């Protein structure tokens, strides 16, 4: 018997990332499911493994993580 996965569909992470839907349902020992997520900064979709979402390792998509935003708050 395999492990049951946690359904993350239509939920948010603590960083505000919206988890839209499951991409791959196959998985087994050592395999992680992948999810389509929406970046809270640029609203672009990107794919993330479930273990990264559950451990709060992701704060934004790769494009936003590479860019350096200027602080315009003063």
C-alpha atoms as a PDB file:
ATOM      1  CA  UNK A   1       0.000   0.000   0.000  1.00  0.00           C
ATOM      2  CA  UNK A   2       1.236   3.449  -0.895  1.00  0.00           C
ATOM      3  CA  UNK A   3       0.942   6.659   0.979  1.00  0.00           C
ATOM      4  CA  UNK A   4      -2.113   8.819   0.506  1.00  0.00           C
ATOM      5  CA  UNK A   5      -1.392  12.250  -0.867  1.00  0.00           C
ATOM      6  CA  UNK A   6      -2.684  15.514   0.528  1.00  0.00           C
ATOM      7  CA  UNK A   7      -5.022  17.245  -1.916  1.00  0.00           C
ATOM      8  CA  UNK A   8      -3.737  20.811  -2.192  1.00  0.00           C
ATOM      9  CA  UNK A   9      -6.128  21.908  -4.960  1.00  0.00           C
ATOM     10  CA  UNK A  10      -7.563  25.438  -4.551  1.00  0.00           C
ATOM     11  CA  UNK A  11      -5.527  26.273  -1.449  1.00  0.00           C
ATOM     12  CA  UNK A  12      -2.906  28.900  -0.553  1.00  0.00           C
ATOM     13  CA  UNK A  13       0.512  28.524   1.020  1.00  0.00           C
ATOM     14  CA  UNK A  14       1.654  30.732   3.891  1.00  0.00           C
ATOM     15  CA  UNK A  15       3.517  32.868   1.311  1.00  0.00           C
ATOM     16  CA  UNK A  16       0.326  33.515  -0.690  1.00  0.00           C
ATOM     17  CA  UNK A  17       0.963  31.109  -3.563  1.00  0.00           C
ATOM     18  CA  UNK A  18      -2.309  29.787  -4.986  1.00  0.00           C
ATOM     19  CA  UNK A  19      -2.244  26.060  -5.717  1.00  0.00           C
ATOM     20  CA  UNK A  20      -4.457  25.641  -8.757  1.00  0.00           C
ATOM     21  CA  UNK A  21      -4.453  21.937  -9.710  1.00  0.00           C
ATOM     22  CA  UNK A  22      -2.527  18.678  -9.856  1.00  0.00           C
ATOM     23  CA  UNK A  23      -0.340  18.181 -12.937  1.00  0.00           C
ATOM     24  CA  UNK A  24       0.862  14.608 -12.475  1.00  0.00           C
ATOM     25  CA  UNK A  25      -1.085  12.082 -10.504  1.00  0.00           C
ATOM     26  CA  UNK A  26       1.454   9.309 -10.895  1.00  0.00           C
ATOM     27  CA  UNK A  27       3.818   8.839  -8.071  1.00  0.00           C
ATOM     28  CA  UNK A  28       5.179   6.195  -5.858  1.00  0.00           C
ATOM     29  CA  UNK A  29       8.121   5.596  -3.623  1.00  0.00           C
ATOM     30  CA  UNK A  30      10.475   8.537  -4.030  1.00  0.00           C
ATOM     31  CA  UNK A  31       8.249  10.378  -6.514  1.00  0.00           C
ATOM     32  CA  UNK A  32       6.624  13.709  -5.751  1.00  0.00           C
ATOM     33  CA  UNK A  33       3.461  14.997  -7.306  1.00  0.00           C
ATOM     34  CA  UNK A  34       3.603  18.266  -9.230  1.00  0.00           C
ATOM     35  CA  UNK A  35       1.139  21.131  -8.946  1.00  0.00           C
ATOM     36  CA  UNK A  36       0.304  24.146 -11.092  1.00  0.00           C
ATOM     37  CA  UNK A  37       0.570  27.221  -8.887  1.00  0.00           C
ATOM     38  CA  UNK A  38       0.029  30.952  -9.377  1.00  0.00           C
ATOM     39  CA  UNK A  39       2.688  33.431  -8.246  1.00  0.00           C
ATOM     40  CA  UNK A  40       1.387  36.060  -5.788  1.00  0.00           C
ATOM     41  CA  UNK A  41       3.725  38.714  -7.237  1.00  0.00           C
ATOM     42  CA  UNK A  42       3.330  38.453 -11.031  1.00  0.00           C
ATOM     43  CA  UNK A  43       0.258  36.151 -11.325  1.00  0.00           C
ATOM     44  CA  UNK A  44       2.122  33.775 -13.672  1.00  0.00           C
ATOM     45  CA  UNK A  45       1.575  30.012 -13.478  1.00  0.00           C
ATOM     46  CA  UNK A  46       4.455  27.699 -12.594  1.00  0.00           C
ATOM     47  CA  UNK A  47       4.914  24.055 -11.579  1.00  0.00           C
ATOM     48  CA  UNK A  48       6.124  22.978  -8.134  1.00  0.00           C
ATOM     49  CA  UNK A  49       6.679  19.630  -6.428  1.00  0.00           C
ATOM     50  CA  UNK A  50       4.408  18.894  -3.481  1.00  0.00           C
ATOM     51  CA  UNK A  51       7.270  18.453  -1.015  1.00  0.00           C
ATOM     52  CA  UNK A  52       8.440  22.028  -1.690  1.00  0.00           C
ATOM     53  CA  UNK A  53       4.928  23.371  -1.126  1.00  0.00           C
ATOM     54  CA  UNK A  54       4.387  21.442   2.089  1.00  0.00           C
ATOM     55  CA  UNK A  55       7.729  22.556   3.525  1.00  0.00           C
ATOM     56  CA  UNK A  56       7.184  26.245   2.526  1.00  0.00           C
ATOM     57  CA  UNK A  57      10.363  26.311   0.438  1.00  0.00           C
ATOM     58  CA  UNK A  58       8.726  28.319  -2.371  1.00  0.00           C
ATOM     59  CA  UNK A  59       7.941  32.033  -2.001  1.00  0.00           C
ATOM     60  CA  UNK A  60       7.355  32.984  -5.667  1.00  0.00           C
ATOM     61  CA  UNK A  61       7.942  31.745  -9.208  1.00  0.00           C
ATOM     62  CA  UNK A  62      11.477  31.446 -10.564  1.00  0.00           C
ATOM     63  CA  UNK A  63      11.135  34.628 -12.633  1.00  0.00           C
ATOM     64  CA  UNK A  64      10.282  36.758  -9.582  1.00  0.00           C
ATOM     65  CA  UNK A  65      12.891  35.053  -7.425  1.00  0.00           C
ATOM     66  CA  UNK A  66      15.622  35.988  -9.931  1.00  0.00           C
ATOM     67  CA  UNK A  67      14.539  39.619 -10.266  1.00  0.00           C
ATOM     68  CA  UNK A  68      15.466  42.212  -7.695  1.00  0.00           C
ATOM     69  CA  UNK A  69      12.573  44.520  -7.003  1.00  0.00           C
ATOM     70  CA  UNK A  70      13.231  48.071  -5.888  1.00  0.00           C
ATOM     71  CA  UNK A  71      11.546  49.141  -2.667  1.00  0.00           C
ATOM     72  CA  UNK A  72       9.185  51.936  -3.698  1.00  0.00           C
ATOM     73  CA  UNK A  73       7.586  52.388  -0.266  1.00  0.00           C
ATOM     74  CA  UNK A  74      10.055  55.088   0.685  1.00  0.00           C
END
